[in-house]
Amino acid sequence: MGYDLLNEPWMGTEWPLCLTTGCPESVRDELQPAMEKGLATVRRLDAHNIVWWEPQQFAGGQPVDTFLTAPTNRPGEKELGYSWHNYCPDVFAATHGVPDNIENCKSWTNGREAHALAQAATMHAVPMMSEWGATDQPAGDRHRRGVGRPAPDGLDALGLQVLERPDHHRPVPGAGSPTTPTSRRSSRAS
């Protein structure tokens, strides 16, 4: 799978600016050099596995540019990955009880994906969405409806697995339970 150098890099005291501008100066002066240094360190030990770079933390929840470029210290790097996150603000709102419009997440996701793929191309990197938002709303809930139809049981409108609240727990067939693990049931059956 490779090496993820830094999950959701935090830009420090300038973080409020990152919400609207993406912090281009901080990426250029701090994040890009740190990623390049990490890449060089990994390459001294492992020349063949992917090294994943991530944008500043708010790039996963805001439509802002990420400003990362192809590594200047390793021209022609062939094993670079761009790992991005997709956290639709409406999903965040829903998990905190704020009235939401989860249906917005389809277009949000499409926009984030297009943006991330363009960023990966700029960096000459392989792209991967490595984190995404989920919700604890039950699958049959009004928020889980895609374009005029309910989402399949257990999936949200984006096709991502719905995390169920403890009060809505339904055992998964064959998965066992906290008091009867699958391995115990299997050993009794044999």
Protein backbone atom coordinates (compact mmCIF):
# COMPACT_ATOMS: atom_id res chain seq x y z
CA MET A 1 0.00 0.00 0.00
CA GLY A 2 2.93 2.34 0.51
CA TYR A 3 3.76 5.14 2.90
CA ASP A 4 1.36 7.90 3.93
CA LEU A 5 3.76 10.62 5.01
CA LEU A 6 1.32 12.76 6.98
CA ASN A 7 -2.42 12.34 7.49
CA GLU A 8 -4.34 15.63 7.19
CA PRO A 9 -1.46 18.06 7.62
CA TRP A 10 -2.40 20.92 9.96
CA MET A 11 -1.24 24.34 8.81
CA GLY A 12 -0.85 25.85 12.27
CA THR A 13 -1.99 29.32 13.27
CA GLU A 14 -2.97 30.28 9.73
CA TRP A 15 -5.64 27.55 9.62
CA PRO A 16 -8.60 29.98 9.32
CA LEU A 17 -7.15 31.24 6.05
CA CYS A 18 -6.89 27.66 4.79
CA LEU A 19 -10.69 27.37 4.88
CA THR A 20 -11.02 29.91 2.07
CA THR A 21 -7.67 30.14 0.28
CA GLY A 22 -6.01 26.75 0.79
CA CYS A 23 -2.93 28.47 2.32
CA PRO A 24 -0.78 28.63 -0.84
CA GLU A 25 2.24 30.24 0.86
CA SER A 26 2.26 27.70 3.69
CA VAL A 27 1.99 24.82 1.25
CA ARG A 28 4.85 26.22 -0.85
CA ASP A 29 7.10 27.13 2.10
CA GLU A 30 6.29 24.36 4.60
CA LEU A 31 4.16 21.45 3.40
CA GLN A 32 5.73 20.85 -0.03
CA PRO A 33 9.30 20.89 1.38
CA ALA A 34 8.26 18.55 4.22
CA MET A 35 6.67 16.11 1.75
CA GLU A 36 9.75 16.24 -0.48
CA LYS A 37 12.03 15.58 2.49
CA GLY A 38 9.87 12.64 3.55
CA LEU A 39 9.87 11.27 0.01
CA ALA A 40 13.67 11.48 -0.18
CA THR A 41 13.99 9.70 3.16
CA VAL A 42 11.70 6.86 2.10
CA ARG A 43 13.49 6.54 -1.25
CA ARG A 44 16.84 5.99 0.49
CA LEU A 45 15.28 2.86 2.03
CA ASP A 46 12.61 1.80 -0.46
CA ALA A 47 12.63 2.74 -4.13
CA HIS A 48 9.59 0.74 -5.17
CA ASN A 49 6.55 1.44 -2.99
CA ILE A 50 4.13 4.34 -3.35
CA VAL A 51 4.64 7.37 -1.15
CA TRP A 52 1.33 9.14 -0.48
CA TRP A 53 1.10 12.91 -0.11
CA GLU A 54 -1.96 14.59 1.35
CA PRO A 55 -3.12 18.19 1.12
CA GLN A 56 -3.68 20.44 4.13
CA GLN A 57 -6.48 19.25 6.38
CA PHE A 58 -9.30 21.52 5.21
CA ALA A 59 -8.91 20.47 1.57
CA GLY A 60 -11.12 17.44 2.41
CA GLY A 61 -14.07 19.53 3.49
CA GLN A 62 -13.72 22.76 1.54
CA PRO A 63 -13.56 23.39 -2.22
CA VAL A 64 -10.09 24.95 -2.11
CA ASP A 65 -6.95 24.37 -4.16
CA THR A 66 -4.21 22.26 -2.62
CA PHE A 67 -1.14 23.79 -4.32
CA LEU A 68 1.04 20.67 -4.14
CA THR A 69 3.27 20.14 -7.17
CA ALA A 70 5.40 17.33 -8.53
CA PRO A 71 8.47 16.79 -6.34
CA THR A 72 11.28 19.13 -7.35
CA ASN A 73 13.93 17.01 -5.60
CA ARG A 74 13.00 13.81 -7.50
CA PRO A 75 12.14 14.68 -11.11
CA GLY A 76 10.36 11.82 -12.84
CA GLU A 77 9.25 10.16 -9.58
CA LYS A 78 7.14 7.18 -10.68
CA GLU A 79 5.75 5.96 -7.35
CA LEU A 80 4.02 9.05 -5.98
CA GLY A 81 0.43 8.97 -4.75
CA TYR A 82 -2.04 11.75 -4.00
CA SER A 83 -4.36 10.74 -1.17
CA TRP A 84 -7.41 12.91 -0.60
CA HIS A 85 -10.38 12.94 1.73
CA ASN A 86 -14.02 13.72 1.03
CA TYR A 87 -16.05 15.09 3.90
CA CYS A 88 -19.28 16.60 2.64
CA PRO A 89 -20.31 19.42 5.01
CA ASP A 90 -23.93 18.20 4.94
CA VAL A 91 -22.89 14.81 6.34
CA PHE A 92 -20.98 16.59 9.10
CA ALA A 93 -24.09 18.64 9.86
CA ALA A 94 -26.31 15.54 9.94
CA THR A 95 -24.08 13.74 12.44
CA HIS A 96 -24.35 16.74 14.76
CA GLY A 97 -28.12 17.06 14.57
CA VAL A 98 -28.14 20.13 12.32
CA PRO A 99 -30.83 20.11 9.63
CA ASP A 100 -29.14 19.12 6.44
CA ASN A 101 -29.52 18.26 2.81
CA ILE A 102 -27.53 15.07 2.30
CA GLU A 103 -28.61 15.02 -1.34
CA ASN A 104 -26.01 17.79 -1.89
CA CYS A 105 -23.28 15.22 -1.20
CA LYS A 106 -23.50 13.62 -4.63
CA SER A 107 -22.56 16.84 -6.39
CA TRP A 108 -20.06 17.67 -3.61
CA THR A 109 -18.36 14.30 -4.10
CA ASN A 110 -18.27 14.69 -7.87
CA GLY A 111 -16.66 18.12 -7.47
CA ARG A 112 -14.10 16.92 -4.92
CA GLU A 113 -13.22 13.94 -7.10
CA ALA A 114 -12.72 16.06 -10.22
CA HIS A 115 -10.58 18.49 -8.22
CA ALA A 116 -8.49 15.68 -6.68
CA LEU A 117 -7.94 13.96 -10.02
CA ALA A 118 -6.73 17.24 -11.50
CA GLN A 119 -4.41 17.74 -8.50
CA ALA A 120 -3.01 14.22 -8.89
CA ALA A 121 -2.36 14.87 -12.59
CA THR A 122 -0.52 18.10 -11.72
CA MET A 123 1.71 16.12 -9.37
CA HIS A 124 2.14 13.16 -11.77
CA ALA A 125 0.73 11.02 -8.97
CA VAL A 126 -1.69 8.13 -8.74
CA PRO A 127 -4.93 9.27 -7.01
CA MET A 128 -6.75 7.59 -4.12
CA MET A 129 -9.66 8.79 -1.98
CA SER A 130 -8.49 7.39 1.35
CA GLU A 131 -11.12 8.83 3.73
CA TRP A 132 -14.73 9.90 3.32
CA GLY A 133 -17.60 10.97 5.47
CA ALA A 134 -20.31 8.67 6.67
CA THR A 135 -23.40 9.18 8.74
CA ASP A 136 -25.14 7.39 11.57
CA GLN A 137 -28.56 7.91 9.97
CA PRO A 138 -30.34 4.57 9.33
CA ALA A 139 -30.39 3.43 5.69
CA GLY A 140 -34.16 3.84 5.32
CA ASP A 141 -34.09 7.40 6.67
CA ARG A 142 -35.26 10.27 4.43
CA HIS A 143 -31.66 11.50 4.13
CA ARG A 144 -30.46 8.32 2.49
CA ARG A 145 -32.48 8.79 -0.67
CA GLY A 146 -30.69 9.16 -3.95
CA VAL A 147 -32.23 10.65 -7.08
CA GLY A 148 -35.89 9.75 -6.48
CA ARG A 149 -35.19 6.29 -5.09
CA PRO A 150 -34.11 4.80 -1.77
CA ALA A 151 -30.51 3.76 -1.43
CA PRO A 152 -29.88 0.00 -1.08
CA ASP A 153 -30.20 -1.27 2.47
CA GLY A 154 -27.08 -0.44 4.47
CA LEU A 155 -25.74 2.11 1.99
CA ASP A 156 -26.08 5.87 1.87
CA ALA A 157 -26.90 7.86 -1.26
CA LEU A 158 -23.23 7.82 -2.28
CA GLY A 159 -23.00 4.05 -2.00
CA LEU A 160 -20.95 4.23 1.20
CA GLN A 161 -21.77 1.98 4.13
CA VAL A 162 -24.09 3.57 6.67
CA LEU A 163 -22.87 3.39 10.25
CA GLU A 164 -25.79 2.44 12.43
CA ARG A 165 -26.57 3.91 15.82
CA PRO A 166 -26.40 1.43 18.72
CA ASP A 167 -30.19 1.74 19.22
CA HIS A 168 -30.70 0.59 15.61
CA HIS A 169 -28.30 -2.35 15.82
CA ARG A 170 -29.18 -5.29 13.61
CA PRO A 171 -26.80 -8.26 13.68
CA VAL A 172 -25.13 -9.09 10.39
CA PRO A 173 -25.99 -12.69 9.42
CA GLY A 174 -23.02 -14.96 10.08
CA ALA A 175 -20.95 -12.24 11.73
CA GLY A 176 -21.49 -13.38 15.30
CA SER A 177 -22.14 -10.97 18.14
CA PRO A 178 -20.08 -9.45 20.95
CA THR A 179 -21.10 -12.35 23.21
CA THR A 180 -20.90 -15.07 20.55
CA PRO A 181 -17.95 -14.46 18.25
CA THR A 182 -18.01 -16.17 14.87
CA SER A 183 -14.96 -18.26 15.75
CA ARG A 184 -16.71 -19.67 18.83
CA ARG A 185 -19.86 -20.49 16.90
CA SER A 186 -17.77 -22.14 14.20
CA SER A 187 -15.85 -24.28 16.67
CA ARG A 188 -19.09 -25.46 18.34
CA ALA A 189 -20.61 -26.38 15.00
CA SER A 190 -17.67 -28.65 14.07
